[in-house]
Amino acid sequence: MGQTSVKNKEFYKNCTEYFEFLRKKGITDYDFEDEYYFTMPAISNH
């Protein structure tokens, strides 16, 4: 597994934790969500 793959998994985990934190607080971050869902396919190579 390459370094890039490790970084991507770490990024994905951090984003998941961030979204969970927002849900618990009842907060939305649409700007971040838009960037995340736009960027994720490129990062995951799909």
Protein backbone atom coordinates (compact mmCIF):
# COMPACT_ATOMS: atom_id res chain seq x y z
CA MET A 1 0.00 0.00 0.00
CA GLY A 2 1.46 3.33 -1.04
CA GLN A 3 1.82 6.43 1.07
CA THR A 4 -0.93 8.16 -0.93
CA SER A 5 -3.40 5.38 -0.12
CA VAL A 6 -2.57 5.66 3.59
CA LYS A 7 -3.09 9.44 3.49
CA ASN A 8 -6.42 9.01 1.69
CA LYS A 9 -7.66 6.52 4.28
CA GLU A 10 -6.64 8.94 7.03
CA PHE A 11 -8.41 11.80 5.25
CA TYR A 12 -11.56 9.72 4.82
CA LYS A 13 -11.53 8.71 8.50
CA ASN A 14 -11.09 12.34 9.59
CA CYS A 15 -13.96 13.46 7.35
CA THR A 16 -16.20 10.72 8.72
CA GLU A 17 -15.43 11.86 12.28
CA TYR A 18 -16.08 15.48 11.30
CA PHE A 19 -19.47 14.64 9.78
CA GLU A 20 -20.37 12.63 12.89
CA PHE A 21 -19.39 15.58 15.10
CA LEU A 22 -21.57 17.93 13.03
CA ARG A 23 -24.54 15.53 13.22
CA LYS A 24 -24.28 15.34 17.00
CA LYS A 25 -24.19 19.13 17.24
CA GLY A 26 -27.01 19.57 14.70
CA ILE A 27 -24.75 21.67 12.48
CA THR A 28 -24.37 21.49 8.71
CA ASP A 29 -21.31 22.51 6.70
CA TYR A 30 -22.61 22.47 3.13
CA ASP A 31 -19.50 24.09 1.67
CA PHE A 32 -17.31 21.34 3.09
CA GLU A 33 -19.78 18.61 2.10
CA ASP A 34 -19.84 19.88 -1.49
CA GLU A 35 -16.05 19.87 -1.66
CA TYR A 36 -15.85 16.46 -0.01
CA TYR A 37 -18.34 14.73 -2.32
CA PHE A 38 -16.83 16.43 -5.38
CA THR A 39 -13.28 15.44 -4.41
CA MET A 40 -13.91 11.93 -3.05
CA PRO A 41 -14.26 10.15 -6.44
CA ALA A 42 -10.91 11.55 -7.56
CA ILE A 43 -9.22 10.51 -4.33
CA SER A 44 -10.67 6.99 -4.34
CA ASN A 45 -9.79 6.46 -8.03
CA HIS A 46 -13.34 5.59 -9.07
